[in-house]
N, C-alpha and C. Protein backbone atom coordinates (compact mmCIF):
# COMPACT_ATOMS: atom_id res chain seq x y z
N MET A 1 34.95 194.54 129.73
CA MET A 1 33.96 194.14 130.70
C MET A 1 34.67 193.64 131.95
N LYS A 2 34.11 194.00 133.09
CA LYS A 2 34.63 193.51 134.37
C LYS A 2 34.00 192.15 134.65
N ILE A 3 34.88 191.15 134.88
CA ILE A 3 34.38 189.82 135.18
C ILE A 3 35.00 189.31 136.48
N TYR A 4 34.24 188.52 137.19
CA TYR A 4 34.71 187.87 138.41
C TYR A 4 34.78 186.39 138.12
N VAL A 5 35.87 185.75 138.55
CA VAL A 5 36.00 184.31 138.35
C VAL A 5 36.07 183.61 139.70
N ASP A 6 35.23 182.61 139.86
CA ASP A 6 35.24 181.78 141.06
C ASP A 6 36.49 180.91 141.02
N THR A 7 36.90 180.41 142.14
CA THR A 7 38.11 179.59 142.20
C THR A 7 38.01 178.36 141.31
N ASN A 8 36.80 177.79 141.15
CA ASN A 8 36.68 176.59 140.32
C ASN A 8 37.00 176.88 138.86
N ILE A 9 36.78 178.11 138.42
CA ILE A 9 37.11 178.50 137.04
C ILE A 9 38.62 178.58 136.88
N VAL A 10 39.28 179.21 137.84
CA VAL A 10 40.74 179.36 137.77
C VAL A 10 41.41 178.00 137.80
N ILE A 11 40.99 177.13 138.71
CA ILE A 11 41.61 175.82 138.82
C ILE A 11 41.41 175.01 137.54
N ALA A 12 40.21 175.03 136.99
CA ALA A 12 39.97 174.30 135.74
C ALA A 12 40.82 174.85 134.60
N SER A 13 41.10 176.14 134.61
CA SER A 13 41.93 176.72 133.55
C SER A 13 43.39 176.31 133.69
N ILE A 14 43.83 176.03 134.90
CA ILE A 14 45.22 175.66 135.17
C ILE A 14 45.48 174.19 134.89
N VAL A 15 44.57 173.33 135.32
CA VAL A 15 44.77 171.89 135.26
C VAL A 15 44.29 171.37 133.90
N ASP A 16 45.23 171.04 133.03
CA ASP A 16 44.84 170.68 131.66
C ASP A 16 44.08 169.36 131.56
N THR A 17 44.08 168.54 132.62
CA THR A 17 43.29 167.31 132.62
C THR A 17 41.92 167.50 133.27
N HIS A 18 41.63 168.70 133.74
CA HIS A 18 40.34 168.98 134.37
C HIS A 18 39.23 168.88 133.33
N ILE A 19 38.11 168.33 133.73
CA ILE A 19 36.98 168.13 132.81
C ILE A 19 36.51 169.43 132.16
N HIS A 20 36.67 170.56 132.84
CA HIS A 20 36.20 171.85 132.31
C HIS A 20 37.34 172.73 131.79
N HIS A 21 38.52 172.15 131.62
CA HIS A 21 39.66 172.95 131.17
C HIS A 21 39.38 173.68 129.85
N ASP A 22 38.79 172.97 128.89
CA ASP A 22 38.55 173.56 127.57
C ASP A 22 37.52 174.69 127.61
N ARG A 23 36.72 174.76 128.67
CA ARG A 23 35.75 175.85 128.82
C ARG A 23 36.34 177.04 129.54
N CYS A 24 37.32 176.78 130.43
CA CYS A 24 37.85 177.84 131.29
C CYS A 24 39.12 178.49 130.75
N LYS A 25 39.94 177.72 130.10
CA LYS A 25 41.22 178.26 129.59
C LYS A 25 40.99 179.44 128.64
N PRO A 26 40.07 179.34 127.67
CA PRO A 26 39.84 180.49 126.79
C PRO A 26 39.37 181.75 127.53
N LEU A 27 38.56 181.56 128.55
CA LEU A 27 38.10 182.70 129.34
C LEU A 27 39.28 183.37 130.03
N MET A 28 40.13 182.58 130.69
CA MET A 28 41.29 183.15 131.37
C MET A 28 42.28 183.74 130.36
N ASP A 29 42.40 183.13 129.19
CA ASP A 29 43.26 183.69 128.14
C ASP A 29 42.74 185.04 127.67
N SER A 30 41.42 185.20 127.62
CA SER A 30 40.85 186.49 127.20
C SER A 30 41.12 187.58 128.23
N VAL A 31 41.17 187.19 129.51
CA VAL A 31 41.53 188.15 130.55
C VAL A 31 43.00 188.52 130.41
N ALA A 32 43.85 187.52 130.20
CA ALA A 32 45.29 187.77 130.04
C ALA A 32 45.57 188.65 128.82
N ALA A 33 44.73 188.52 127.78
CA ALA A 33 44.90 189.31 126.56
C ALA A 33 44.32 190.72 126.70
N GLY A 34 43.69 191.02 127.83
CA GLY A 34 43.13 192.34 128.05
C GLY A 34 41.73 192.55 127.50
N LYS A 35 41.08 191.48 127.06
CA LYS A 35 39.71 191.61 126.53
C LYS A 35 38.70 191.83 127.64
N HIS A 36 39.03 191.37 128.84
CA HIS A 36 38.20 191.56 130.03
C HIS A 36 39.10 191.97 131.18
N HIS A 37 38.51 192.66 132.14
CA HIS A 37 39.23 193.01 133.38
C HIS A 37 38.77 192.00 134.42
N GLY A 38 39.69 191.11 134.82
CA GLY A 38 39.34 190.01 135.70
C GLY A 38 39.59 190.29 137.16
N PHE A 39 38.71 189.76 138.01
CA PHE A 39 38.80 189.93 139.46
C PHE A 39 38.59 188.59 140.16
N ILE A 40 39.19 188.48 141.33
CA ILE A 40 38.95 187.37 142.25
C ILE A 40 39.16 187.91 143.65
N SER A 41 38.47 187.33 144.62
CA SER A 41 38.65 187.79 145.99
C SER A 41 40.03 187.40 146.49
N ALA A 42 40.55 188.17 147.42
CA ALA A 42 41.84 187.84 148.03
C ALA A 42 41.75 186.46 148.68
N HIS A 43 40.59 186.16 149.27
CA HIS A 43 40.39 184.85 149.86
C HIS A 43 40.43 183.75 148.79
N GLY A 44 40.00 184.08 147.59
CA GLY A 44 40.02 183.11 146.49
C GLY A 44 41.43 182.62 146.19
N LEU A 45 42.39 183.50 146.37
CA LEU A 45 43.79 183.12 146.16
C LEU A 45 44.18 181.99 147.11
N THR A 46 43.77 182.10 148.37
CA THR A 46 44.09 181.04 149.33
C THR A 46 43.31 179.76 149.04
N GLU A 47 42.09 179.90 148.53
CA GLU A 47 41.30 178.73 148.16
C GLU A 47 41.98 177.97 147.01
N ILE A 48 42.46 178.71 146.02
CA ILE A 48 43.14 178.07 144.89
C ILE A 48 44.36 177.30 145.39
N TYR A 49 45.15 177.93 146.24
CA TYR A 49 46.33 177.26 146.79
C TYR A 49 45.93 176.00 147.54
N SER A 50 44.91 176.10 148.36
CA SER A 50 44.45 174.96 149.16
C SER A 50 44.03 173.80 148.27
N VAL A 51 43.19 174.07 147.28
CA VAL A 51 42.69 173.00 146.40
C VAL A 51 43.82 172.41 145.56
N MET A 52 44.65 173.27 145.02
CA MET A 52 45.72 172.79 144.14
C MET A 52 46.74 171.93 144.87
N THR A 53 46.95 172.19 146.16
CA THR A 53 47.95 171.42 146.90
C THR A 53 47.38 170.19 147.59
N ARG A 54 46.04 170.06 147.64
CA ARG A 54 45.48 168.89 148.31
C ARG A 54 44.80 167.91 147.37
N THR A 55 44.35 168.35 146.22
CA THR A 55 43.65 167.49 145.28
C THR A 55 44.66 166.57 144.59
N PRO A 56 44.34 165.30 144.48
CA PRO A 56 45.31 164.38 143.87
C PRO A 56 45.32 164.45 142.34
N PHE A 57 45.64 165.64 141.81
CA PHE A 57 45.80 165.76 140.37
C PHE A 57 46.98 164.90 139.94
N SER A 58 46.97 164.48 138.70
CA SER A 58 48.10 163.70 138.19
C SER A 58 48.72 164.46 137.03
N PRO A 59 49.93 164.89 137.17
CA PRO A 59 50.80 164.76 138.34
C PRO A 59 50.37 165.74 139.44
N ARG A 60 50.80 165.44 140.66
CA ARG A 60 50.47 166.28 141.81
C ARG A 60 51.19 167.62 141.69
N PHE A 61 50.58 168.64 142.26
CA PHE A 61 51.20 169.96 142.31
C PHE A 61 51.89 170.12 143.66
N ARG A 62 53.16 170.44 143.63
CA ARG A 62 53.89 170.75 144.86
C ARG A 62 53.56 172.19 145.26
N PRO A 63 53.66 172.52 146.53
CA PRO A 63 53.38 173.89 146.97
C PRO A 63 54.16 174.95 146.18
N THR A 64 55.42 174.68 145.90
CA THR A 64 56.21 175.66 145.14
C THR A 64 55.71 175.79 143.70
N ASP A 65 55.21 174.68 143.13
CA ASP A 65 54.64 174.74 141.78
C ASP A 65 53.40 175.63 141.76
N VAL A 66 52.56 175.45 142.77
CA VAL A 66 51.32 176.23 142.83
C VAL A 66 51.65 177.72 142.98
N TRP A 67 52.59 178.03 143.85
CA TRP A 67 52.97 179.43 144.01
C TRP A 67 53.52 180.00 142.70
N GLN A 68 54.30 179.22 141.99
CA GLN A 68 54.86 179.69 140.71
C GLN A 68 53.75 179.99 139.70
N ILE A 69 52.78 179.10 139.63
CA ILE A 69 51.64 179.32 138.72
C ILE A 69 50.85 180.56 139.13
N LEU A 70 50.59 180.68 140.42
CA LEU A 70 49.85 181.86 140.90
C LEU A 70 50.61 183.14 140.60
N SER A 71 51.89 183.15 140.90
CA SER A 71 52.66 184.39 140.73
C SER A 71 52.92 184.72 139.27
N ASP A 72 53.07 183.71 138.42
CA ASP A 72 53.37 183.96 137.00
C ASP A 72 52.13 184.14 136.13
N ASP A 73 51.08 183.35 136.42
CA ASP A 73 49.95 183.29 135.49
C ASP A 73 48.64 183.87 136.01
N ILE A 74 48.45 183.89 137.32
CA ILE A 74 47.16 184.33 137.85
C ILE A 74 47.22 185.75 138.40
N LEU A 75 48.15 186.02 139.28
CA LEU A 75 48.23 187.36 139.89
C LEU A 75 48.46 188.48 138.88
N PRO A 76 49.20 188.25 137.80
CA PRO A 76 49.35 189.34 136.82
C PRO A 76 48.07 189.67 136.05
N VAL A 77 47.10 188.74 136.02
CA VAL A 77 45.92 188.98 135.18
C VAL A 77 44.62 189.18 135.96
N LEU A 78 44.58 188.75 137.22
CA LEU A 78 43.38 188.93 138.03
C LEU A 78 43.66 189.92 139.15
N GLU A 79 42.81 190.91 139.26
CA GLU A 79 42.93 191.88 140.35
C GLU A 79 42.29 191.29 141.60
N LEU A 80 43.02 191.35 142.70
CA LEU A 80 42.48 190.85 143.96
C LEU A 80 41.54 191.87 144.58
N VAL A 81 40.40 191.40 145.05
CA VAL A 81 39.43 192.25 145.73
C VAL A 81 39.48 191.90 147.21
N ALA A 82 39.85 192.87 148.02
CA ALA A 82 39.93 192.65 149.46
C ALA A 82 38.61 193.06 150.11
N LEU A 83 38.11 192.18 150.96
CA LEU A 83 36.94 192.53 151.75
C LEU A 83 37.41 193.11 153.07
N ASN A 84 36.67 194.08 153.57
CA ASN A 84 37.03 194.68 154.85
C ASN A 84 36.25 194.02 156.00
N ASN A 85 36.51 194.48 157.20
CA ASN A 85 35.86 193.89 158.38
C ASN A 85 34.34 193.92 158.27
N SER A 86 33.81 195.02 157.79
CA SER A 86 32.36 195.16 157.65
C SER A 86 31.81 194.17 156.63
N ASP A 87 32.53 194.00 155.52
CA ASP A 87 32.10 193.03 154.50
C ASP A 87 32.01 191.63 155.09
N TYR A 88 33.07 191.20 155.78
CA TYR A 88 33.06 189.86 156.37
C TYR A 88 31.96 189.70 157.41
N ARG A 89 31.80 190.70 158.21
CA ARG A 89 30.75 190.66 159.24
C ARG A 89 29.37 190.50 158.59
N ASN A 90 29.12 191.28 157.53
CA ASN A 90 27.83 191.21 156.84
C ASN A 90 27.63 189.86 156.15
N VAL A 91 28.71 189.31 155.57
CA VAL A 91 28.62 188.00 154.91
C VAL A 91 28.22 186.93 155.92
N VAL A 92 28.89 186.90 157.06
CA VAL A 92 28.58 185.88 158.08
C VAL A 92 27.19 186.10 158.65
N GLN A 93 26.83 187.35 158.90
CA GLN A 93 25.50 187.66 159.42
C GLN A 93 24.41 187.23 158.44
N GLN A 94 24.63 187.50 157.16
CA GLN A 94 23.65 187.11 156.14
C GLN A 94 23.52 185.59 156.07
N CYS A 95 24.63 184.88 156.12
CA CYS A 95 24.57 183.41 156.10
C CYS A 95 23.78 182.90 157.30
N ALA A 96 24.06 183.45 158.47
CA ALA A 96 23.37 183.01 159.68
C ALA A 96 21.88 183.29 159.59
N SER A 97 21.52 184.49 159.14
CA SER A 97 20.10 184.85 159.09
C SER A 97 19.34 184.02 158.06
N LEU A 98 20.00 183.58 157.01
CA LEU A 98 19.36 182.75 155.99
C LEU A 98 19.47 181.26 156.27
N GLY A 99 20.20 180.90 157.33
CA GLY A 99 20.35 179.50 157.70
C GLY A 99 21.33 178.73 156.85
N PHE A 100 22.20 179.43 156.12
CA PHE A 100 23.19 178.76 155.29
C PHE A 100 24.33 178.25 156.15
N VAL A 101 24.83 177.07 155.82
CA VAL A 101 25.88 176.44 156.61
C VAL A 101 27.11 176.15 155.75
N SER A 102 28.19 175.83 156.41
CA SER A 102 29.40 175.32 155.81
C SER A 102 30.00 176.28 154.78
N GLY A 103 30.39 175.76 153.63
CA GLY A 103 31.12 176.53 152.63
C GLY A 103 30.31 177.60 151.92
N ARG A 104 29.01 177.65 152.17
CA ARG A 104 28.20 178.71 151.53
C ARG A 104 28.71 180.09 151.93
N VAL A 105 29.29 180.18 153.12
CA VAL A 105 29.83 181.46 153.56
C VAL A 105 30.96 181.92 152.63
N HIS A 106 31.76 180.97 152.13
CA HIS A 106 32.83 181.33 151.19
C HIS A 106 32.24 181.81 149.86
N ASP A 107 31.17 181.13 149.43
CA ASP A 107 30.52 181.54 148.19
C ASP A 107 29.96 182.95 148.31
N LEU A 108 29.36 183.25 149.46
CA LEU A 108 28.81 184.58 149.67
C LEU A 108 29.92 185.63 149.71
N ALA A 109 31.09 185.27 150.24
CA ALA A 109 32.23 186.20 150.23
C ALA A 109 32.67 186.46 148.80
N HIS A 110 32.67 185.43 147.95
CA HIS A 110 33.00 185.63 146.53
C HIS A 110 32.01 186.61 145.88
N LEU A 111 30.75 186.40 146.17
CA LEU A 111 29.73 187.26 145.59
C LEU A 111 29.86 188.70 146.07
N ARG A 112 30.18 188.88 147.33
CA ARG A 112 30.39 190.23 147.86
C ARG A 112 31.57 190.89 147.16
N ALA A 113 32.64 190.13 146.93
CA ALA A 113 33.81 190.68 146.23
C ALA A 113 33.45 191.08 144.80
N ALA A 114 32.68 190.24 144.12
CA ALA A 114 32.26 190.55 142.74
C ALA A 114 31.42 191.81 142.70
N GLU A 115 30.54 191.93 143.67
CA GLU A 115 29.68 193.11 143.77
C GLU A 115 30.51 194.36 144.06
N LYS A 116 31.46 194.22 144.98
CA LYS A 116 32.32 195.34 145.36
C LYS A 116 33.15 195.83 144.17
N ALA A 117 33.58 194.91 143.30
CA ALA A 117 34.38 195.27 142.13
C ALA A 117 33.51 195.72 140.95
N LEU A 118 32.18 195.72 141.15
CA LEU A 118 31.24 196.14 140.11
C LEU A 118 31.33 195.29 138.85
N CYS A 119 31.48 193.98 139.04
CA CYS A 119 31.61 193.07 137.91
C CYS A 119 30.28 192.86 137.21
N GLN A 120 30.34 192.88 135.87
CA GLN A 120 29.13 192.66 135.07
C GLN A 120 28.83 191.19 134.86
N ARG A 121 29.85 190.32 134.98
CA ARG A 121 29.69 188.88 134.86
C ARG A 121 30.41 188.20 136.02
N ILE A 122 29.80 187.14 136.52
CA ILE A 122 30.38 186.33 137.59
C ILE A 122 30.40 184.90 137.07
N TYR A 123 31.60 184.38 136.84
CA TYR A 123 31.75 183.03 136.29
C TYR A 123 31.98 182.02 137.40
N THR A 124 31.18 180.95 137.37
CA THR A 124 31.28 179.86 138.33
C THR A 124 30.64 178.62 137.72
N PHE A 125 30.95 177.46 138.29
CA PHE A 125 30.23 176.25 137.91
C PHE A 125 29.12 175.95 138.90
N ASP A 126 28.94 176.80 139.89
CA ASP A 126 27.86 176.65 140.88
C ASP A 126 26.84 177.77 140.67
N VAL A 127 26.33 177.86 139.46
CA VAL A 127 25.42 178.95 139.09
C VAL A 127 24.19 178.96 140.00
N ARG A 128 23.53 177.83 140.14
CA ARG A 128 22.31 177.79 140.96
C ARG A 128 22.59 178.14 142.41
N GLY A 129 23.69 177.64 142.95
CA GLY A 129 24.04 177.95 144.33
C GLY A 129 24.32 179.43 144.53
N PHE A 130 25.07 180.02 143.60
CA PHE A 130 25.37 181.45 143.69
C PHE A 130 24.10 182.28 143.54
N GLN A 131 23.23 181.89 142.60
CA GLN A 131 21.98 182.63 142.40
C GLN A 131 21.08 182.56 143.62
N ALA A 132 21.09 181.43 144.31
CA ALA A 132 20.28 181.29 145.53
C ALA A 132 20.80 182.21 146.63
N LEU A 133 22.11 182.40 146.68
CA LEU A 133 22.70 183.26 147.69
C LEU A 133 22.51 184.75 147.38
N ALA A 134 22.49 185.08 146.10
CA ALA A 134 22.39 186.50 145.70
C ALA A 134 21.43 186.65 144.53
N PRO A 135 20.14 186.53 144.78
CA PRO A 135 19.16 186.62 143.68
C PRO A 135 19.27 187.93 142.90
N HIS A 136 19.68 189.00 143.57
CA HIS A 136 19.79 190.30 142.90
C HIS A 136 20.94 190.32 141.88
N LEU A 137 21.83 189.34 141.93
CA LEU A 137 22.93 189.24 140.97
C LEU A 137 22.71 188.10 139.96
N SER A 138 21.58 187.42 140.04
CA SER A 138 21.39 186.19 139.27
C SER A 138 21.60 186.36 137.77
N GLY A 139 21.26 187.51 137.21
CA GLY A 139 21.45 187.74 135.78
C GLY A 139 22.91 187.86 135.37
N ARG A 140 23.77 188.08 136.32
CA ARG A 140 25.21 188.22 136.04
C ARG A 140 25.98 186.91 136.22
N ILE A 141 25.36 185.92 136.87
CA ILE A 141 26.05 184.69 137.24
C ILE A 141 25.89 183.66 136.13
N VAL A 142 27.03 183.25 135.55
CA VAL A 142 27.01 182.37 134.38
C VAL A 142 28.16 181.35 134.45
N MET A 143 28.05 180.33 133.60
CA MET A 143 29.15 179.38 133.40
C MET A 143 29.91 179.79 132.14
N PRO A 144 31.19 179.44 132.07
CA PRO A 144 31.90 179.69 130.80
C PRO A 144 31.27 178.86 129.69
N GLN A 145 31.30 179.38 128.49
CA GLN A 145 30.73 178.68 127.32
C GLN A 145 31.56 177.48 126.92
């Protein structure tokens, strides 16, 4: 099955003290084992780096640590989905026309990437927010068990 993982899923799977680690690690392990074909947007990679290097996890992650984790554990198992100019233009236009502000534009970019990769499941902890942005995908948007 093709699955898309939001950045919050990846981060929770990496940080063993994260409240949702026990829910996300098995999902990411199943992708690593080849049980699912995992995807994340190319922009999601930069979001993971940003969050991992600024959040005061204990112990803190140094930039080189984050890159090592991404290159060793994430990039080999998640296929990056690149959005093109038209995709980004449509995402921003859709946000503007619906009156969405701030980070919702990033969420809509994630959803566009999941749609572009033809993912059957979209994993996030912001299920209601994602469903509000893309009602036509609402049946695919779930939290890890």
